[in-house]
Amino acid sequence: MNPSIAPDEANERIRAFMAARPGGALSPEEQAEYEQLLAVWAEAVHTRSASA
């Protein structure tokens, strides 16, 4: 994970990932990628909250 990423940037990566998809259910590979992006976002939010 990248602790230096801002929550807004992590959120934008999630949005871009989802926008690039055709829709429907996530494949197992897509689900894994989404979960990784979500974990990066959660860590960014936690890091920002801890330093505030």
Protein backbone atom coordinates (compact mmCIF):
# COMPACT_ATOMS: atom_id res chain seq x y z
CA MET A 1 0.00 0.00 0.00
CA ASN A 2 1.01 3.57 -0.57
CA PRO A 3 0.72 5.56 2.68
CA SER A 4 1.53 8.84 0.93
CA ILE A 5 -1.56 8.81 -1.29
CA ALA A 6 -4.31 11.30 -0.44
CA PRO A 7 -7.82 9.96 0.21
CA ASP A 8 -9.17 12.03 -2.70
CA GLU A 9 -6.64 10.49 -5.08
CA ALA A 10 -7.46 6.98 -3.84
CA ASN A 11 -11.17 7.73 -4.31
CA GLU A 12 -10.53 8.99 -7.83
CA ARG A 13 -8.71 5.74 -8.66
CA ILE A 14 -11.74 3.75 -7.48
CA ARG A 15 -14.08 5.93 -9.55
CA ALA A 16 -11.90 5.59 -12.65
CA PHE A 17 -11.72 1.82 -12.21
CA MET A 18 -15.48 1.52 -11.90
CA ALA A 19 -16.15 3.94 -14.79
CA ALA A 20 -13.89 1.92 -17.11
CA ARG A 21 -15.99 -1.20 -16.54
CA PRO A 22 -18.97 -2.15 -18.69
CA GLY A 23 -21.15 -2.75 -15.61
CA GLY A 24 -22.64 -5.83 -14.06
CA ALA A 25 -21.07 -8.02 -11.43
CA LEU A 26 -17.34 -7.84 -10.83
CA SER A 27 -15.28 -10.78 -12.03
CA PRO A 28 -13.03 -12.39 -9.39
CA GLU A 29 -10.05 -10.46 -10.80
CA GLU A 30 -11.97 -7.19 -10.78
CA GLN A 31 -13.21 -7.86 -7.25
CA ALA A 32 -9.62 -8.38 -6.09
CA GLU A 33 -8.50 -5.14 -7.76
CA TYR A 34 -11.45 -3.23 -6.29
CA GLU A 35 -10.69 -4.57 -2.81
CA GLN A 36 -7.05 -3.51 -3.17
CA LEU A 37 -8.09 0.00 -4.23
CA LEU A 38 -10.55 0.15 -1.34
CA ALA A 39 -7.83 -0.89 1.11
CA VAL A 40 -5.56 1.89 -0.21
CA TRP A 41 -8.40 4.39 0.26
CA ALA A 42 -9.14 3.17 3.80
CA GLU A 43 -5.46 3.42 4.74
CA ALA A 44 -5.28 6.94 3.30
CA VAL A 45 -8.33 8.01 5.31
CA HIS A 46 -6.93 6.41 8.47
CA THR A 47 -3.52 8.05 7.96
CA ARG A 48 -5.12 11.46 7.42
CA SER A 49 -7.32 11.04 10.50
CA ALA A 50 -4.40 9.92 12.67
CA SER A 51 -2.32 12.93 11.68
CA ALA A 52 -5.15 15.44 12.20
